[in-house]
Amino acid sequence: METLTKIWTAIRHNQATIIAAVLSVALIVWIYGCESKAESPLTGKKVNAATIDVDVQTYVAEREAQDKAFAAKANLAYDEISKQDELKRAVLDLFKQYAATTPVGAVATPVLSLLTAGLFISNRKKDSIIVTKSNALDAINKPVE
């Protein structure tokens, strides 16, 4: 008991020194013993700098792969557009060659035939819709016997 009293007396007389010593030990333990960690931008977990470096490299590699895949898809789309444009030019060139060697009536006849066929088909479709709706209205308005 006497020893404990002596210790408390020494602490009371040297409070600032004791507090400074405890804080110094805690600071040394914190600096050398605790690894610095932060939240990973990729996983959201607390990790060290080396793990963040790996996460960054992984993210960059994935983005590069996505960018390459996107660029490949874009190139395929451009190629498809080029093929369609080439086909249009070829058909137009054929029409130009045909028109250059034939009279105007021979060029206009196929075009007018296509327009006439389109109008005929459109009118038949409209007629069928009108008949269907008329029959439906007649069925609704028909008195029940």
N, C-alpha and C. Protein backbone atom coordinates (compact mmCIF):
# COMPACT_ATOMS: atom_id res chain seq x y z
N MET A 1 0.83 -1.18 0.00
CA MET A 1 0.00 0.00 0.00
C MET A 1 0.87 1.25 0.00
N GLU A 2 1.93 1.18 0.73
CA GLU A 2 2.85 2.33 0.81
C GLU A 2 3.48 2.61 -0.54
N THR A 3 3.76 1.57 -1.30
CA THR A 3 4.35 1.74 -2.63
C THR A 3 3.38 2.45 -3.57
N LEU A 4 2.14 2.06 -3.48
CA LEU A 4 1.12 2.68 -4.31
C LEU A 4 0.97 4.16 -3.98
N THR A 5 1.05 4.50 -2.74
CA THR A 5 0.96 5.90 -2.33
C THR A 5 2.14 6.68 -2.87
N LYS A 6 3.31 6.10 -2.86
CA LYS A 6 4.50 6.78 -3.39
C LYS A 6 4.37 7.00 -4.90
N ILE A 7 3.82 6.02 -5.60
CA ILE A 7 3.65 6.14 -7.06
C ILE A 7 2.67 7.27 -7.36
N TRP A 8 1.54 7.31 -6.65
CA TRP A 8 0.55 8.36 -6.89
C TRP A 8 1.11 9.73 -6.53
N THR A 9 1.91 9.81 -5.55
CA THR A 9 2.54 11.08 -5.17
C THR A 9 3.50 11.52 -6.25
N ALA A 10 4.28 10.60 -6.77
CA ALA A 10 5.23 10.94 -7.85
C ALA A 10 4.47 11.37 -9.11
N ILE A 11 3.37 10.71 -9.42
CA ILE A 11 2.57 11.09 -10.60
C ILE A 11 1.99 12.48 -10.40
N ARG A 12 1.47 12.75 -9.19
CA ARG A 12 0.87 14.04 -8.93
C ARG A 12 1.89 15.17 -9.03
N HIS A 13 3.10 14.97 -8.59
CA HIS A 13 4.14 15.99 -8.63
C HIS A 13 4.71 16.16 -10.03
N ASN A 14 4.62 15.13 -10.88
CA ASN A 14 5.20 15.18 -12.23
C ASN A 14 4.14 14.90 -13.30
N GLN A 15 2.98 15.49 -13.15
CA GLN A 15 1.85 15.23 -14.07
C GLN A 15 2.22 15.53 -15.52
N ALA A 16 2.80 16.68 -15.77
CA ALA A 16 3.13 17.08 -17.14
C ALA A 16 4.13 16.12 -17.76
N THR A 17 5.12 15.70 -17.00
CA THR A 17 6.13 14.77 -17.52
C THR A 17 5.51 13.42 -17.82
N ILE A 18 4.66 12.94 -16.95
CA ILE A 18 4.02 11.64 -17.15
C ILE A 18 3.11 11.69 -18.38
N ILE A 19 2.31 12.75 -18.50
CA ILE A 19 1.43 12.89 -19.65
C ILE A 19 2.24 12.96 -20.94
N ALA A 20 3.34 13.72 -20.93
CA ALA A 20 4.20 13.84 -22.10
C ALA A 20 4.80 12.48 -22.47
N ALA A 21 5.20 11.70 -21.48
CA ALA A 21 5.78 10.38 -21.75
C ALA A 21 4.74 9.44 -22.34
N VAL A 22 3.50 9.46 -21.79
CA VAL A 22 2.44 8.59 -22.29
C VAL A 22 2.09 8.99 -23.74
N LEU A 23 1.97 10.30 -23.98
CA LEU A 23 1.67 10.77 -25.33
C LEU A 23 2.80 10.44 -26.30
N SER A 24 4.04 10.52 -25.86
CA SER A 24 5.18 10.18 -26.73
C SER A 24 5.16 8.71 -27.11
N VAL A 25 4.88 7.86 -26.13
CA VAL A 25 4.81 6.42 -26.42
C VAL A 25 3.64 6.15 -27.38
N ALA A 26 2.50 6.79 -27.14
CA ALA A 26 1.34 6.58 -28.02
C ALA A 26 1.65 7.08 -29.44
N LEU A 27 2.34 8.22 -29.54
CA LEU A 27 2.71 8.75 -30.85
C LEU A 27 3.67 7.81 -31.58
N ILE A 28 4.63 7.28 -30.89
CA ILE A 28 5.59 6.36 -31.51
C ILE A 28 4.89 5.08 -31.96
N VAL A 29 3.99 4.56 -31.13
CA VAL A 29 3.24 3.36 -31.50
C VAL A 29 2.37 3.65 -32.72
N TRP A 30 1.73 4.83 -32.74
CA TRP A 30 0.87 5.19 -33.87
C TRP A 30 1.67 5.36 -35.15
N ILE A 31 2.81 6.04 -35.08
CA ILE A 31 3.62 6.30 -36.27
C ILE A 31 4.22 5.01 -36.83
N TYR A 32 4.80 4.20 -35.96
CA TYR A 32 5.51 3.01 -36.45
C TYR A 32 4.66 1.74 -36.44
N GLY A 33 3.63 1.70 -35.65
CA GLY A 33 2.89 0.46 -35.50
C GLY A 33 1.60 0.38 -36.29
N CYS A 34 1.03 1.53 -36.65
CA CYS A 34 -0.26 1.52 -37.34
C CYS A 34 -0.06 1.87 -38.81
N GLU A 35 -0.53 0.99 -39.66
CA GLU A 35 -0.43 1.22 -41.10
C GLU A 35 -1.52 2.20 -41.54
N SER A 36 -1.15 3.18 -42.36
CA SER A 36 -2.12 4.15 -42.85
C SER A 36 -3.05 3.48 -43.84
N LYS A 37 -4.33 3.77 -43.69
CA LYS A 37 -5.33 3.15 -44.56
C LYS A 37 -6.34 4.21 -44.97
N ALA A 38 -6.91 3.98 -46.15
CA ALA A 38 -7.97 4.85 -46.67
C ALA A 38 -8.97 3.98 -47.40
N GLU A 39 -10.10 4.56 -47.76
CA GLU A 39 -11.13 3.81 -48.47
C GLU A 39 -10.73 3.65 -49.93
N SER A 40 -10.78 2.43 -50.39
CA SER A 40 -10.44 2.15 -51.78
C SER A 40 -11.51 2.71 -52.70
N PRO A 41 -11.11 3.43 -53.76
CA PRO A 41 -12.11 3.94 -54.69
C PRO A 41 -12.79 2.83 -55.50
N LEU A 42 -12.17 1.67 -55.56
CA LEU A 42 -12.72 0.58 -56.35
C LEU A 42 -13.65 -0.32 -55.52
N THR A 43 -13.19 -0.70 -54.32
CA THR A 43 -13.96 -1.65 -53.51
C THR A 43 -14.69 -1.00 -52.35
N GLY A 44 -14.24 0.17 -51.91
CA GLY A 44 -14.88 0.84 -50.78
C GLY A 44 -14.40 0.35 -49.43
N LYS A 45 -13.45 -0.58 -49.39
CA LYS A 45 -12.91 -1.10 -48.14
C LYS A 45 -11.69 -0.28 -47.72
N LYS A 46 -11.36 -0.33 -46.43
CA LYS A 46 -10.17 0.35 -45.93
C LYS A 46 -8.95 -0.48 -46.35
N VAL A 47 -8.03 0.16 -47.10
CA VAL A 47 -6.86 -0.54 -47.61
C VAL A 47 -5.63 0.37 -47.51
N ASN A 48 -4.45 -0.23 -47.70
CA ASN A 48 -3.22 0.54 -47.66
C ASN A 48 -2.86 1.05 -49.06
N ALA A 49 -1.78 1.80 -49.16
CA ALA A 49 -1.39 2.42 -50.43
C ALA A 49 -1.08 1.39 -51.50
N ALA A 50 -0.46 0.29 -51.14
CA ALA A 50 -0.12 -0.74 -52.13
C ALA A 50 -1.39 -1.33 -52.76
N THR A 51 -2.39 -1.55 -51.95
CA THR A 51 -3.64 -2.10 -52.46
C THR A 51 -4.35 -1.09 -53.35
N ILE A 52 -4.27 0.20 -53.00
CA ILE A 52 -4.87 1.23 -53.85
C ILE A 52 -4.14 1.27 -55.19
N ASP A 53 -2.82 1.10 -55.19
CA ASP A 53 -2.07 1.05 -56.45
C ASP A 53 -2.57 -0.10 -57.33
N VAL A 54 -2.78 -1.26 -56.72
CA VAL A 54 -3.29 -2.42 -57.47
C VAL A 54 -4.70 -2.13 -57.99
N ASP A 55 -5.54 -1.50 -57.16
CA ASP A 55 -6.89 -1.15 -57.59
C ASP A 55 -6.86 -0.20 -58.78
N VAL A 56 -5.98 0.79 -58.72
CA VAL A 56 -5.87 1.75 -59.82
C VAL A 56 -5.41 1.05 -61.09
N GLN A 57 -4.42 0.18 -60.99
CA GLN A 57 -3.93 -0.55 -62.17
C GLN A 57 -5.03 -1.44 -62.74
N THR A 58 -5.79 -2.08 -61.87
CA THR A 58 -6.90 -2.93 -62.31
C THR A 58 -7.95 -2.10 -63.04
N TYR A 59 -8.29 -0.96 -62.46
CA TYR A 59 -9.29 -0.09 -63.06
C TYR A 59 -8.83 0.41 -64.42
N VAL A 60 -7.59 0.84 -64.51
CA VAL A 60 -7.06 1.35 -65.78
C VAL A 60 -7.05 0.24 -66.83
N ALA A 61 -6.66 -0.96 -66.45
CA ALA A 61 -6.64 -2.08 -67.40
C ALA A 61 -8.05 -2.40 -67.89
N GLU A 62 -9.02 -2.39 -66.99
CA GLU A 62 -10.41 -2.66 -67.39
C GLU A 62 -10.92 -1.58 -68.33
N ARG A 63 -10.61 -0.32 -68.02
CA ARG A 63 -11.06 0.79 -68.88
C ARG A 63 -10.41 0.71 -70.26
N GLU A 64 -9.13 0.36 -70.30
CA GLU A 64 -8.47 0.21 -71.60
C GLU A 64 -9.12 -0.89 -72.42
N ALA A 65 -9.46 -1.99 -71.77
CA ALA A 65 -10.12 -3.09 -72.47
C ALA A 65 -11.49 -2.64 -72.97
N GLN A 66 -12.23 -1.91 -72.13
CA GLN A 66 -13.54 -1.40 -72.56
C GLN A 66 -13.39 -0.42 -73.71
N ASP A 67 -12.37 0.45 -73.62
CA ASP A 67 -12.14 1.43 -74.69
C ASP A 67 -11.80 0.73 -76.01
N LYS A 68 -11.00 -0.32 -75.94
CA LYS A 68 -10.66 -1.06 -77.15
C LYS A 68 -11.89 -1.74 -77.74
N ALA A 69 -12.70 -2.33 -76.88
CA ALA A 69 -13.93 -2.98 -77.35
C ALA A 69 -14.87 -1.96 -77.96
N PHE A 70 -15.00 -0.80 -77.33
CA PHE A 70 -15.86 0.25 -77.87
C PHE A 70 -15.34 0.74 -79.22
N ALA A 71 -14.02 0.94 -79.31
CA ALA A 71 -13.43 1.40 -80.57
C ALA A 71 -13.66 0.37 -81.67
N ALA A 72 -13.56 -0.92 -81.33
CA ALA A 72 -13.80 -1.96 -82.32
C ALA A 72 -15.25 -1.93 -82.80
N LYS A 73 -16.20 -1.74 -81.88
CA LYS A 73 -17.61 -1.65 -82.25
C LYS A 73 -17.87 -0.43 -83.12
N ALA A 74 -17.23 0.68 -82.77
CA ALA A 74 -17.40 1.91 -83.57
C ALA A 74 -16.85 1.71 -84.98
N ASN A 75 -15.70 1.04 -85.09
CA ASN A 75 -15.12 0.78 -86.41
C ASN A 75 -16.03 -0.12 -87.24
N LEU A 76 -16.63 -1.12 -86.60
CA LEU A 76 -17.57 -1.98 -87.31
C LEU A 76 -18.77 -1.17 -87.81
N ALA A 77 -19.25 -0.25 -86.99
CA ALA A 77 -20.39 0.59 -87.40
C ALA A 77 -20.00 1.47 -88.58
N TYR A 78 -18.80 2.06 -88.52
CA TYR A 78 -18.34 2.88 -89.64
C TYR A 78 -18.20 2.05 -90.91
N ASP A 79 -17.68 0.83 -90.77
CA ASP A 79 -17.55 -0.06 -91.94
C ASP A 79 -18.92 -0.37 -92.54
N GLU A 80 -19.91 -0.63 -91.68
CA GLU A 80 -21.26 -0.92 -92.16
C GLU A 80 -21.83 0.27 -92.91
N ILE A 81 -21.64 1.47 -92.37
CA ILE A 81 -22.11 2.68 -93.06
C ILE A 81 -21.42 2.84 -94.40
N SER A 82 -20.12 2.57 -94.44
CA SER A 82 -19.38 2.68 -95.70
C SER A 82 -19.90 1.70 -96.74
N LYS A 83 -20.20 0.46 -96.31
CA LYS A 83 -20.74 -0.54 -97.23
C LYS A 83 -22.10 -0.11 -97.78
N GLN A 84 -22.95 0.44 -96.89
CA GLN A 84 -24.26 0.89 -97.34
C GLN A 84 -24.13 2.05 -98.32
N ASP A 85 -23.20 2.97 -98.03
CA ASP A 85 -22.99 4.10 -98.94
C ASP A 85 -22.46 3.63 -100.29
N GLU A 86 -21.57 2.64 -100.28
CA GLU A 86 -21.06 2.09 -101.54
C GLU A 86 -22.18 1.46 -102.35
N LEU A 87 -23.08 0.72 -101.68
CA LEU A 87 -24.21 0.11 -102.38
C LEU A 87 -25.11 1.18 -102.98
N LYS A 88 -25.38 2.25 -102.22
CA LYS A 88 -26.20 3.34 -102.74
C LYS A 88 -25.55 3.98 -103.97
N ARG A 89 -24.24 4.21 -103.88
CA ARG A 89 -23.53 4.80 -105.03
C ARG A 89 -23.58 3.89 -106.24
N ALA A 90 -23.43 2.57 -106.01
CA ALA A 90 -23.47 1.62 -107.12
C ALA A 90 -24.85 1.62 -107.79
N VAL A 91 -25.91 1.62 -106.98
CA VAL A 91 -27.27 1.64 -107.54
C VAL A 91 -27.51 2.95 -108.29
N LEU A 92 -27.07 4.07 -107.70
CA LEU A 92 -27.23 5.36 -108.36
C LEU A 92 -26.45 5.40 -109.67
N ASP A 93 -25.26 4.84 -109.67
CA ASP A 93 -24.47 4.79 -110.91
C ASP A 93 -25.19 3.96 -111.98
N LEU A 94 -25.80 2.84 -111.56
CA LEU A 94 -26.55 2.04 -112.51
C LEU A 94 -27.71 2.83 -113.09
N PHE A 95 -28.45 3.56 -112.25
CA PHE A 95 -29.55 4.39 -112.74
C PHE A 95 -29.05 5.45 -113.70
N LYS A 96 -27.91 6.06 -113.35
CA LYS A 96 -27.36 7.10 -114.23
C LYS A 96 -26.98 6.51 -115.59
N GLN A 97 -26.36 5.34 -115.58
CA GLN A 97 -25.97 4.69 -116.83
C GLN A 97 -27.21 4.31 -117.64
N TYR A 98 -28.23 3.81 -116.93
CA TYR A 98 -29.47 3.43 -117.61
C TYR A 98 -30.15 4.66 -118.19
N ALA A 99 -30.22 5.74 -117.43
CA ALA A 99 -30.88 6.96 -117.89
C ALA A 99 -30.12 7.60 -119.04
N ALA A 100 -28.82 7.45 -119.05
CA ALA A 100 -28.02 8.06 -120.12
C ALA A 100 -28.23 7.35 -121.45
N THR A 101 -28.62 6.08 -121.43
CA THR A 101 -28.74 5.32 -122.68
C THR A 101 -30.18 5.11 -123.12
N THR A 102 -31.16 5.56 -122.35
CA THR A 102 -32.57 5.32 -122.68
C THR A 102 -33.33 6.63 -122.71
N PRO A 103 -34.47 6.66 -123.40
CA PRO A 103 -35.28 7.86 -123.41
C PRO A 103 -35.91 8.13 -122.03
N VAL A 104 -36.37 9.35 -121.81
CA VAL A 104 -36.90 9.77 -120.51
C VAL A 104 -38.10 8.91 -120.11
N GLY A 105 -38.97 8.58 -121.02
CA GLY A 105 -40.14 7.77 -120.71
C GLY A 105 -39.77 6.40 -120.18
N ALA A 106 -38.71 5.84 -120.67
CA ALA A 106 -38.28 4.52 -120.22
C ALA A 106 -37.75 4.58 -118.79
N VAL A 107 -37.23 5.73 -118.37
CA VAL A 107 -36.75 5.88 -117.00
C VAL A 107 -37.92 6.17 -116.06
N ALA A 108 -38.86 6.99 -116.52
CA ALA A 108 -39.98 7.40 -115.67
C ALA A 108 -40.97 6.26 -115.45
N THR A 109 -41.13 5.37 -116.40
CA THR A 109 -42.13 4.31 -116.31
C THR A 109 -41.92 3.40 -115.09
N PRO A 110 -40.70 2.89 -114.81
CA PRO A 110 -40.54 2.04 -113.62
C PRO A 110 -40.81 2.79 -112.32
N VAL A 111 -40.40 4.07 -112.27
CA VAL A 111 -40.62 4.85 -111.06
C VAL A 111 -42.11 5.07 -110.84
N LEU A 112 -42.83 5.46 -111.87
CA LEU A 112 -44.27 5.66 -111.75
C LEU A 112 -45.00 4.36 -111.43
N SER A 113 -44.52 3.26 -111.95
CA SER A 113 -45.12 1.95 -111.64
C SER A 113 -44.98 1.62 -110.16
N LEU A 114 -43.83 1.90 -109.61
CA LEU A 114 -43.62 1.65 -108.18
C LEU A 114 -44.55 2.52 -107.34
N LEU A 115 -44.67 3.80 -107.70
CA LEU A 115 -45.56 4.69 -106.97
C LEU A 115 -47.02 4.24 -107.06
N THR A 116 -47.44 3.82 -108.23
CA THR A 116 -48.81 3.36 -108.42
C THR A 116 -49.08 2.11 -107.60
N ALA A 117 -48.14 1.18 -107.60
CA ALA A 117 -48.30 -0.05 -106.81
C ALA A 117 -48.40 0.29 -105.33
N GLY A 118 -47.60 1.23 -104.86
CA GLY A 118 -47.65 1.64 -103.45
C GLY A 118 -48.99 2.24 -103.09
N LEU A 119 -49.52 3.10 -103.96
CA LEU A 119 -50.83 3.70 -103.71
C LEU A 119 -51.93 2.65 -103.68
N PHE A 120 -51.88 1.70 -104.61
CA PHE A 120 -52.88 0.63 -104.68
C PHE A 120 -52.88 -0.20 -103.39
N ILE A 121 -51.69 -0.60 -102.95
CA ILE A 121 -51.57 -1.42 -101.73
C ILE A 121 -52.05 -0.63 -100.52
N SER A 122 -51.70 0.64 -100.46
CA SER A 122 -52.12 1.49 -99.34
C SER A 122 -53.64 1.61 -99.28
N ASN A 123 -54.27 1.82 -100.43
CA ASN A 123 -55.73 1.93 -100.47
C ASN A 123 -56.41 0.63 -100.06
N ARG A 124 -55.87 -0.52 -100.49
CA ARG A 124 -56.46 -1.81 -100.10
C ARG A 124 -56.38 -1.99 -98.58
N LYS A 125 -55.27 -1.58 -97.99
CA LYS A 125 -55.11 -1.71 -96.55
C LYS A 125 -56.11 -0.81 -95.82
N LYS A 126 -56.26 0.41 -96.28
CA LYS A 126 -57.22 1.33 -95.67
C LYS A 126 -58.64 0.78 -95.79
N ASP A 127 -59.00 0.23 -96.95
CA ASP A 127 -60.32 -0.34 -97.15
C ASP A 127 -60.58 -1.48 -96.16
N SER A 128 -59.59 -2.34 -95.94
CA SER A 128 -59.78 -3.46 -95.02
C SER A 128 -59.96 -2.97 -93.59
N ILE A 129 -59.26 -1.89 -93.22
CA ILE A 129 -59.43 -1.33 -91.87
C ILE A 129 -60.83 -0.75 -91.71
N ILE A 130 -61.29 -0.03 -92.74
CA ILE A 130 -62.62 0.57 -92.68
C ILE A 130 -63.69 -0.50 -92.57
N VAL A 131 -63.60 -1.56 -93.34
CA VAL A 131 -64.57 -2.65 -93.31
C VAL A 131 -64.56 -3.32 -91.94
N THR A 132 -63.38 -3.56 -91.39
CA THR A 132 -63.28 -4.21 -90.08
C THR A 132 -63.94 -3.36 -89.00
N LYS A 133 -63.68 -2.05 -89.02
CA LYS A 133 -64.27 -1.17 -88.01
C LYS A 133 -65.77 -1.03 -88.20
N SER A 134 -66.24 -1.00 -89.45
CA SER A 134 -67.67 -0.91 -89.71
C SER A 134 -68.38 -2.16 -89.20
N ASN A 135 -67.78 -3.31 -89.43
CA ASN A 135 -68.39 -4.55 -88.94
C ASN A 135 -68.43 -4.58 -87.42
N ALA A 136 -67.39 -4.05 -86.79
CA ALA A 136 -67.36 -4.02 -85.33
C ALA A 136 -68.43 -3.08 -84.79
N LEU A 137 -68.61 -1.93 -85.43
CA LEU A 137 -69.65 -0.99 -85.01
C LEU A 137 -71.04 -1.58 -85.22
N ASP A 138 -71.23 -2.26 -86.34
CA ASP A 138 -72.52 -2.89 -86.60
C ASP A 138 -72.83 -3.94 -85.53
N ALA A 139 -71.83 -4.67 -85.12
CA ALA A 139 -72.03 -5.70 -84.11
C ALA A 139 -72.39 -5.08 -82.77
N ILE A 140 -71.83 -3.91 -82.46
CA ILE A 140 -72.13 -3.24 -81.21
C ILE A 140 -73.54 -2.66 -81.22
N ASN A 141 -73.92 -2.04 -82.34
CA ASN A 141 -75.21 -1.37 -82.44
C ASN A 141 -76.38 -2.31 -82.73
N LYS A 142 -76.09 -3.55 -83.03
CA LYS A 142 -77.14 -4.51 -83.36
C LYS A 142 -77.95 -4.81 -82.10
N PRO A 143 -79.28 -4.69 -82.21
CA PRO A 143 -80.09 -4.95 -81.01
C PRO A 143 -80.08 -6.43 -80.64
N VAL A 144 -80.11 -6.65 -79.35
CA VAL A 144 -80.10 -8.01 -78.84
C VAL A 144 -81.52 -8.57 -78.88
N GLU A 145 -81.70 -9.74 -79.42
CA GLU A 145 -83.04 -10.34 -79.58
C GLU A 145 -83.34 -11.30 -78.47
